[in-house]
Amino acid sequence: MSKKVVLAYSGGLDTSVIIPWLKEHYDYEVIAVCVDLGQGKEIDPVKEKAIKSGASKVYIEDVQEEFVTDFIYPTLKAGAKYEDKYLLGTSFARPLIAKKLVEIAKKEGAEAIAHGATGKGNDQVRFELTVKALAPELEIIAPWRIWDLTSRSDEIAYAEKHGIPLQTKQEDSYSMDRNLWHLSHEGLELEDPWNEPKTKVLQICVPPEQAPDTPTYLELEFEKGIPVKVNGKALSPVEMIAYLNKVGAENGVGVTDIVENRLVGMKSRGVYETPAGTILYEAHEAMEHLCLDRQTYHYKQLVANKYAELIYDGMWYSSLREALAAFVDKTQETVTGTVKIKLYKGNCTSAGTKSPYSLYNMDFVTFEKDDVYSQKDAEGFINLFGLPLKIKALMDQKNQK
């Protein structure tokens, strides 16, 4: 009986080539696993394509609900953005894909897991660290690190030689990753950071210049840091992301052009379309400004930066990420209320917030007469707060004489 390898299969260029390559170079039965994270129509031809390419069996796993509740929402609550811009759409998808690969590998009695991530990128790390964390006994095969295909051009030629149908063309082959949260684009003219992205790059969002001339307003309700309603209507996690993607995209919201630092040591340039994510991060941050005290909010900013770095680096299942998640959950206990969001020609801004846990108190901050705050108290506070500065200045004056 031949050994089995479980392949992370998308139906794209890389994984389409990998199935015949694995059969050609390994005595393995190839089981293709496509994890449905909200790729939409991309999923439709996957099963037939994988079988025609030589897979013995195909799994299509719909994990959209788990993706939102167990990966997107924890990251949103943390406020985690990699290098202040990237909303981690590919980064937190990979550990979920790898988790499903491990589950199926154990079910099938497979010896190994294979993936199509390149030796230049971050995804190889994310896949493999997850496998090491969940099933260290499994072998990992990464064709890009061992085969003699050195470019996307070589892959397309290999596919044509082996009769594998491809929708992509050589001159239009952006490297893309799509899921419910985002769509990323790399390659072609984007490889030169001086080039402005062509309008044809965008497949979700309307270019901001073409967005409506009147703003769209949304009211988002949060419970303990999690969005639960839009304009008073309760939505499931998947419905929430899908609806906000639609409305955000119509208003040109969520397009980000990033030059980022890859874990492997080089910079890369990509264009990301993340309408729902952009809206939710803006709304969630506005809610936290209202509900978190100064020290907690400031320290959480440090945590958010580390949280994002851990996810980007493939460390979702690390002890530190899990410990930081516990801290984040504690901070979210009072992040409940409603945020009004204004969408207009690519811009997404908060237009109002309210919460039963609001720490904003008009009785204290008013410019009008009040009965709760004595301005005389500020003098003593400033004297004590500034005492170290005063002592240092007195010492400097003394030594200058």
Protein backbone atom coordinates (compact mmCIF):
# COMPACT_ATOMS: atom_id res chain seq x y z
CA MET A 1 0.00 0.00 0.00
CA SER A 2 1.47 3.36 -1.05
CA LYS A 3 2.07 6.10 1.48
CA LYS A 4 -0.18 9.11 1.58
CA VAL A 5 0.55 12.82 1.45
CA VAL A 6 -2.04 15.48 2.22
CA LEU A 7 -1.67 18.57 0.02
CA ALA A 8 -2.97 22.04 0.83
CA TYR A 9 -4.77 22.57 -2.48
CA SER A 10 -6.28 25.78 -3.82
CA GLY A 11 -6.63 25.00 -7.50
CA GLY A 12 -4.26 27.85 -8.28
CA LEU A 13 -1.07 27.69 -10.30
CA ASP A 14 1.27 26.41 -7.59
CA THR A 15 -0.85 23.61 -6.20
CA SER A 16 -2.14 22.57 -9.62
CA VAL A 17 1.44 21.86 -10.63
CA ILE A 18 2.35 20.20 -7.34
CA ILE A 19 -0.06 17.23 -7.68
CA PRO A 20 1.57 15.76 -10.82
CA TRP A 21 4.99 16.75 -9.49
CA LEU A 22 4.44 14.82 -6.25
CA LYS A 23 3.26 11.76 -8.17
CA GLU A 24 6.23 12.05 -10.49
CA HIS A 25 8.87 12.35 -7.75
CA TYR A 26 7.37 10.53 -4.72
CA ASP A 27 5.71 7.17 -4.34
CA TYR A 28 2.81 8.83 -2.56
CA GLU A 29 -0.95 8.82 -2.96
CA VAL A 30 -1.92 12.51 -3.11
CA ILE A 31 -4.96 13.62 -1.11
CA ALA A 32 -5.94 17.20 -1.96
CA VAL A 33 -7.50 19.35 0.75
CA CYS A 34 -9.14 22.64 -0.15
CA VAL A 35 -10.06 24.69 2.91
CA ASP A 36 -12.95 27.02 2.15
CA LEU A 37 -12.27 30.33 3.88
CA GLY A 38 -14.67 32.25 1.69
CA GLN A 39 -12.91 32.11 -1.66
CA GLY A 40 -16.29 32.08 -3.39
CA LYS A 41 -16.44 30.80 -6.97
CA GLU A 42 -12.78 29.77 -6.81
CA ILE A 43 -13.95 26.66 -4.92
CA ASP A 44 -16.36 25.44 -7.63
CA PRO A 45 -13.89 23.79 -10.03
CA VAL A 46 -11.47 22.60 -7.35
CA LYS A 47 -12.63 18.99 -6.92
CA GLU A 48 -12.76 18.15 -10.63
CA LYS A 49 -9.48 19.92 -11.29
CA ALA A 50 -7.67 18.09 -8.47
CA ILE A 51 -8.88 14.69 -9.66
CA LYS A 52 -7.89 15.46 -13.25
CA SER A 53 -4.46 16.54 -11.99
CA GLY A 54 -3.95 13.17 -10.29
CA ALA A 55 -5.31 13.42 -6.74
CA SER A 56 -6.82 10.19 -5.41
CA LYS A 57 -9.23 11.99 -3.11
CA VAL A 58 -10.38 15.57 -2.52
CA TYR A 59 -11.63 17.15 0.68
CA ILE A 60 -13.40 20.52 0.61
CA GLU A 61 -13.70 21.84 4.15
CA ASP A 62 -15.98 24.83 4.79
CA VAL A 63 -14.50 26.55 7.85
CA GLN A 64 -15.76 30.10 7.30
CA GLU A 65 -17.55 30.30 10.65
CA GLU A 66 -14.50 29.00 12.52
CA PHE A 67 -12.30 31.38 10.57
CA VAL A 68 -14.26 34.39 11.77
CA THR A 69 -14.96 33.37 15.36
CA ASP A 70 -11.63 31.72 16.23
CA PHE A 71 -9.14 33.71 14.15
CA ILE A 72 -10.54 37.00 12.81
CA TYR A 73 -12.40 38.15 15.90
CA PRO A 74 -9.59 37.41 18.39
CA THR A 75 -7.22 39.39 16.16
CA LEU A 76 -9.73 42.23 15.81
CA LYS A 77 -10.20 42.39 19.59
CA ALA A 78 -6.44 42.62 19.95
CA GLY A 79 -6.35 45.50 17.46
CA ALA A 80 -3.45 43.70 15.81
CA LYS A 81 -2.06 45.22 12.59
CA TYR A 82 1.30 44.20 11.20
CA GLU A 83 3.47 47.29 10.73
CA ASP A 84 0.41 49.48 11.37
CA LYS A 85 -1.23 48.65 8.02
CA TYR A 86 -1.60 44.96 7.22
CA LEU A 87 -4.78 43.37 8.61
CA LEU A 88 -3.25 39.87 8.51
CA GLY A 89 -5.71 38.32 6.05
CA THR A 90 -3.29 35.67 4.80
CA SER A 91 -1.38 35.35 8.06
CA PHE A 92 -4.19 34.03 10.25
CA ALA A 93 -5.70 31.95 7.45
CA ARG A 94 -2.64 29.70 7.22
CA PRO A 95 -2.77 28.21 10.73
CA LEU A 96 -6.43 27.28 10.23
CA ILE A 97 -5.63 25.63 6.88
CA ALA A 98 -2.74 23.75 8.47
CA LYS A 99 -4.94 22.68 11.38
CA LYS A 100 -7.39 21.09 8.92
CA LEU A 101 -4.53 19.44 7.02
CA VAL A 102 -3.35 17.84 10.25
CA GLU A 103 -6.85 16.62 11.12
CA ILE A 104 -7.28 14.98 7.71
CA ALA A 105 -3.74 13.58 7.71
CA LYS A 106 -4.50 11.82 11.00
CA LYS A 107 -7.86 10.60 9.68
CA GLU A 108 -6.29 9.24 6.49
CA GLY A 109 -3.17 7.84 8.14
CA ALA A 110 -0.96 10.04 5.98
CA GLU A 111 2.79 10.21 6.38
CA ALA A 112 3.30 13.75 5.20
CA ILE A 113 1.81 17.16 4.49
CA ALA A 114 2.72 19.21 1.41
CA HIS A 115 2.15 22.87 0.64
CA GLY A 116 2.75 25.26 -2.26
CA ALA A 117 4.35 28.12 -0.35
CA THR A 118 7.57 29.44 -1.86
CA GLY A 119 10.96 29.42 -0.19
CA LYS A 120 10.98 33.23 -0.29
CA GLY A 121 7.76 33.82 1.59
CA ASN A 122 6.13 33.78 4.99
CA ASP A 123 3.51 31.11 4.33
CA GLN A 124 5.99 28.25 4.46
CA VAL A 125 6.74 29.24 8.05
CA ARG A 126 3.07 29.59 8.99
CA PHE A 127 2.11 26.18 7.58
CA GLU A 128 5.05 24.35 9.03
CA LEU A 129 5.05 25.89 12.50
CA THR A 130 1.41 24.93 12.86
CA VAL A 131 2.14 21.36 11.79
CA LYS A 132 5.04 21.20 14.25
CA ALA A 133 2.78 22.50 17.02
CA LEU A 134 -0.11 20.10 16.31
CA ALA A 135 1.51 17.00 14.77
CA PRO A 136 5.31 17.02 15.05
CA GLU A 137 5.51 13.45 13.76
CA LEU A 138 4.36 14.37 10.23
CA GLU A 139 6.86 14.86 7.42
CA ILE A 140 6.62 18.15 5.53
CA ILE A 141 7.20 18.44 1.78
CA ALA A 142 7.73 21.91 0.32
CA PRO A 143 8.24 21.51 -3.47
CA TRP A 144 9.28 25.12 -4.02
CA ARG A 145 12.38 24.47 -1.93
CA ILE A 146 13.47 21.36 -3.81
CA TRP A 147 12.17 21.29 -7.38
CA ASP A 148 13.89 22.76 -10.44
CA LEU A 149 11.03 25.12 -11.30
CA THR A 150 12.38 28.56 -10.47
CA SER A 151 9.57 30.94 -11.44
CA ARG A 152 5.88 31.28 -12.20
CA SER A 153 6.88 31.14 -15.86
CA ASP A 154 8.39 27.70 -15.30
CA GLU A 155 5.24 26.56 -13.52
CA ILE A 156 2.98 27.66 -16.36
CA ALA A 157 5.20 25.83 -18.84
CA TYR A 158 5.15 22.69 -16.67
CA ALA A 159 1.37 22.83 -16.40
CA GLU A 160 0.95 23.20 -20.16
CA LYS A 161 3.33 20.29 -20.76
CA HIS A 162 1.31 18.05 -18.42
CA GLY A 163 -2.06 19.13 -19.79
CA ILE A 164 -3.20 20.97 -16.67
CA PRO A 165 -5.79 23.63 -17.56
CA LEU A 166 -5.04 27.08 -16.18
CA GLN A 167 -7.20 30.19 -16.11
CA THR A 168 -4.21 32.47 -15.66
CA LYS A 169 -2.11 33.90 -18.46
CA GLN A 170 1.58 34.68 -18.31
CA GLU A 171 1.09 38.41 -18.74
CA ASP A 172 -1.75 38.60 -16.20
CA SER A 173 -0.56 36.28 -13.46
CA TYR A 174 -0.72 38.29 -10.25
CA SER A 175 -0.09 36.16 -7.21
CA MET A 176 -3.36 36.42 -5.30
CA ASP A 177 -4.80 35.09 -2.07
CA ARG A 178 -8.53 35.41 -1.45
CA ASN A 179 -10.65 34.62 1.56
CA LEU A 180 -13.67 36.06 3.36
CA TRP A 181 -11.48 38.73 4.99
CA HIS A 182 -9.37 40.00 2.10
CA LEU A 183 -7.86 39.69 -1.35
CA SER A 184 -4.13 40.22 -1.76
CA HIS A 185 -2.18 40.96 -4.95
CA GLU A 186 1.55 40.60 -5.61
CA GLY A 187 3.77 40.36 -8.67
CA LEU A 188 3.98 41.91 -12.16
CA GLU A 189 4.20 45.72 -12.05
CA LEU A 190 3.68 45.67 -8.26
CA GLU A 191 7.19 44.31 -7.82
CA ASP A 192 8.48 47.84 -8.46
CA PRO A 193 7.31 49.99 -5.52
CA TRP A 194 7.53 53.11 -7.73
CA ASN A 195 4.67 51.84 -9.90
CA GLU A 196 1.18 52.93 -8.96
CA PRO A 197 -1.14 49.88 -8.94
CA LYS A 198 -3.22 49.59 -12.09
CA THR A 199 -6.98 49.93 -11.65
CA LYS A 200 -7.43 46.40 -13.02
CA VAL A 201 -5.73 45.05 -9.89
CA LEU A 202 -8.84 45.72 -7.81
CA GLN A 203 -11.39 42.91 -7.92
CA ILE A 204 -13.45 43.67 -4.80
CA CYS A 205 -13.33 47.42 -4.20
CA VAL A 206 -14.54 50.21 -6.42
CA PRO A 207 -11.67 52.68 -7.02
CA PRO A 208 -12.26 55.56 -4.56
CA GLU A 209 -12.53 58.05 -7.43
CA GLN A 210 -15.51 56.09 -8.77
CA ALA A 211 -17.28 55.67 -5.42
CA PRO A 212 -20.60 57.46 -4.73
CA ASP A 213 -20.55 61.22 -4.17
CA THR A 214 -22.64 60.90 -1.01
CA PRO A 215 -21.44 59.20 2.19
CA THR A 216 -22.83 55.97 3.61
CA TYR A 217 -23.43 55.69 7.36
CA LEU A 218 -23.43 52.48 9.36
CA GLU A 219 -24.14 51.80 13.02
CA LEU A 220 -22.16 48.87 14.41
CA GLU A 221 -23.00 47.34 17.76
CA PHE A 222 -20.32 45.55 19.76
CA GLU A 223 -20.56 43.14 22.69
CA LYS A 224 -17.30 42.55 24.55
CA GLY A 225 -15.30 43.64 21.52
CA ILE A 226 -17.21 41.52 19.00
CA PRO A 227 -19.48 43.06 16.33
CA VAL A 228 -23.01 41.65 16.59
CA LYS A 229 -25.35 44.06 14.77
CA VAL A 230 -25.31 46.47 11.83
CA ASN A 231 -27.98 49.16 11.72
CA GLY A 232 -29.88 47.30 14.43
CA LYS A 233 -29.90 43.97 12.58
CA ALA A 234 -28.21 40.95 14.17
CA LEU A 235 -25.83 39.18 11.80
CA SER A 236 -23.93 35.93 12.11
CA PRO A 237 -20.13 36.22 12.01
CA VAL A 238 -19.94 35.22 8.32
CA GLU A 239 -22.90 37.45 7.40
CA MET A 240 -21.26 40.35 9.23
CA ILE A 241 -18.04 40.14 7.22
CA ALA A 242 -19.85 39.56 3.92
CA TYR A 243 -22.19 42.52 4.40
CA LEU A 244 -19.46 44.94 5.47
CA ASN A 245 -17.31 43.78 2.55
CA LYS A 246 -20.14 44.66 0.16
CA VAL A 247 -20.87 48.09 1.62
CA GLY A 248 -17.22 48.97 2.12
CA ALA A 249 -16.26 47.89 -1.40
CA GLU A 250 -19.04 50.00 -2.91
CA ASN A 251 -17.52 53.05 -1.21
CA GLY A 252 -13.93 52.28 -2.21
CA VAL A 253 -12.97 51.48 1.38
CA GLY A 254 -10.25 49.01 2.29
CA VAL A 255 -7.54 49.31 -0.39
CA THR A 256 -4.05 49.31 1.10
CA ASP A 257 -0.72 49.49 -0.75
CA ILE A 258 2.04 48.12 1.48
CA VAL A 259 5.77 47.53 1.38
CA GLU A 260 6.23 45.13 4.29
CA ASN A 261 9.09 43.35 6.00
CA ARG A 262 8.83 39.62 5.45
CA LEU A 263 9.96 37.28 8.19
CA VAL A 264 12.55 35.74 5.88
CA GLY A 265 14.46 39.01 5.67
CA MET A 266 13.37 40.77 2.50
CA LYS A 267 10.79 43.44 1.79
CA SER A 268 7.79 42.74 -0.42
CA ARG A 269 5.13 44.94 -1.97
CA GLY A 270 1.46 44.03 -2.10
CA VAL A 271 -1.96 45.54 -2.61
CA TYR A 272 -4.65 44.37 -0.22
CA GLU A 273 -8.43 44.75 -0.44
CA THR A 274 -9.98 44.45 3.03
CA PRO A 275 -13.24 46.42 3.17
CA ALA A 276 -14.92 44.73 6.16
CA GLY A 277 -11.66 44.60 8.08
CA THR A 278 -11.02 48.30 7.58
CA ILE A 279 -14.50 49.17 8.83
CA LEU A 280 -14.34 46.84 11.83
CA TYR A 281 -10.89 47.97 12.96
CA GLU A 282 -11.94 51.62 12.79
CA ALA A 283 -15.16 50.95 14.69
CA HIS A 284 -13.53 48.72 17.30
CA GLU A 285 -10.79 51.24 18.00
CA ALA A 286 -13.38 54.00 18.41
CA MET A 287 -15.23 51.80 20.91
CA GLU A 288 -12.04 51.21 22.88
CA HIS A 289 -11.27 54.94 23.00
CA LEU A 290 -14.58 55.37 24.81
CA CYS A 291 -14.44 52.35 27.12
CA LEU A 292 -10.81 51.67 28.12
CA ASP A 293 -8.87 53.63 30.69
CA ARG A 294 -5.60 55.32 29.72
CA GLN A 295 -3.16 52.78 31.15
CA THR A 296 -5.01 49.76 29.79
CA TYR A 297 -5.37 51.31 26.34
CA HIS A 298 -1.71 52.32 26.14
CA TYR A 299 -0.45 48.93 27.28
CA LYS A 300 -2.84 47.18 24.90
CA GLN A 301 -1.21 49.07 22.03
CA LEU A 302 2.06 47.35 22.91
CA VAL A 303 0.28 44.01 23.08
CA ALA A 304 -1.38 44.63 19.70
CA ASN A 305 1.98 45.14 18.04
CA LYS A 306 3.41 41.91 19.48
CA TYR A 307 0.19 40.02 18.76
CA ALA A 308 0.37 41.04 15.10
CA GLU A 309 4.03 40.07 14.87
CA LEU A 310 3.34 36.62 16.32
CA ILE A 311 0.53 35.99 13.83
CA TYR A 312 2.59 37.28 10.91
CA ASP A 313 5.46 35.02 11.95
CA GLY A 314 3.29 31.88 12.06
CA MET A 315 3.18 31.64 15.85
CA TRP A 316 -0.59 31.39 16.25
CA TYR A 317 -0.31 28.27 18.40
CA SER A 318 2.48 29.66 20.57
CA SER A 319 2.09 29.98 24.33
CA LEU A 320 2.71 33.73 24.15
CA ARG A 321 -0.05 34.36 21.60
CA GLU A 322 -2.49 32.38 23.73
CA ALA A 323 -1.43 34.26 26.88
CA LEU A 324 -1.82 37.63 25.15
CA ALA A 325 -5.27 36.54 23.95
CA ALA A 326 -6.28 36.01 27.58
CA PHE A 327 -5.14 39.56 28.39
CA VAL A 328 -7.08 40.90 25.41
CA ASP A 329 -10.26 39.10 26.45
CA LYS A 330 -10.04 40.72 29.88
CA THR A 331 -9.74 44.18 28.33
CA GLN A 332 -12.82 43.58 26.18
CA GLU A 333 -15.25 42.99 29.04
CA THR A 334 -16.55 46.57 28.78
CA VAL A 335 -16.02 47.16 25.05
CA THR A 336 -19.75 47.16 24.43
CA GLY A 337 -21.77 49.82 22.65
CA THR A 338 -22.48 51.39 19.27
CA VAL A 339 -20.24 53.14 16.77
CA LYS A 340 -21.44 55.25 13.88
CA ILE A 341 -19.17 54.89 10.85
CA LYS A 342 -18.99 57.17 7.82
CA LEU A 343 -17.83 55.72 4.49
CA TYR A 344 -16.92 58.13 1.72
CA LYS A 345 -14.70 57.68 -1.34
CA GLY A 346 -12.17 55.33 0.25
CA ASN A 347 -12.31 56.93 3.70
CA CYS A 348 -13.67 55.23 6.78
CA THR A 349 -14.11 57.40 9.88
CA SER A 350 -15.90 57.26 13.19
CA ALA A 351 -18.86 59.64 13.33
CA GLY A 352 -20.08 58.95 16.86
CA THR A 353 -19.85 56.49 19.75
CA LYS A 354 -21.98 55.51 22.73
CA SER A 355 -21.69 52.85 25.41
CA PRO A 356 -23.18 51.98 28.80
CA TYR A 357 -19.55 51.53 29.90
CA SER A 358 -18.31 54.85 28.57
CA LEU A 359 -15.57 56.46 30.64
CA TYR A 360 -16.24 59.78 28.97
CA ASN A 361 -18.07 62.02 31.44
CA MET A 362 -19.37 65.38 30.25
CA ASP A 363 -19.84 66.56 33.84
CA PHE A 364 -16.05 66.54 34.25
CA VAL A 365 -14.81 67.68 30.84
CA THR A 366 -17.30 70.44 30.09
CA PHE A 367 -16.04 73.95 29.33
CA GLU A 368 -19.09 75.26 31.11
CA LYS A 369 -19.47 75.68 34.88
CA ASP A 370 -19.38 72.41 36.82
CA ASP A 371 -19.73 71.24 40.42
CA VAL A 372 -17.57 68.10 40.27
CA TYR A 373 -14.06 69.32 39.47
CA SER A 374 -11.90 71.82 41.31
CA GLN A 375 -9.42 73.44 38.96
CA LYS A 376 -7.34 74.44 42.00
CA ASP A 377 -6.41 70.76 42.43
CA ALA A 378 -4.40 70.91 39.21
CA GLU A 379 -1.74 73.13 40.79
CA GLY A 380 -0.70 70.54 43.35
CA PHE A 381 -0.79 67.79 40.75
CA ILE A 382 1.50 69.72 38.42
CA ASN A 383 3.89 70.58 41.26
CA LEU A 384 4.30 66.91 42.18
CA PHE A 385 4.28 65.59 38.62
CA GLY A 386 6.91 68.14 37.59
CA LEU A 387 9.05 67.84 40.73
CA PRO A 388 11.75 65.65 39.09
CA LEU A 389 12.13 68.22 36.29
CA LYS A 390 12.42 71.05 38.82
CA ILE A 391 15.04 69.24 40.90
CA LYS A 392 17.08 68.43 37.79
CA ALA A 393 16.95 72.06 36.66
CA LEU A 394 18.03 73.33 40.12
CA MET A 395 20.97 70.91 40.07
CA ASP A 396 22.00 72.06 36.55
CA GLN A 397 21.85 75.72 37.65
CA LYS A 398 23.98 74.99 40.71
CA ASN A 399 26.67 73.19 38.71
CA GLN A 400 26.83 75.96 36.10
CA LYS A 401 27.85 78.54 38.70
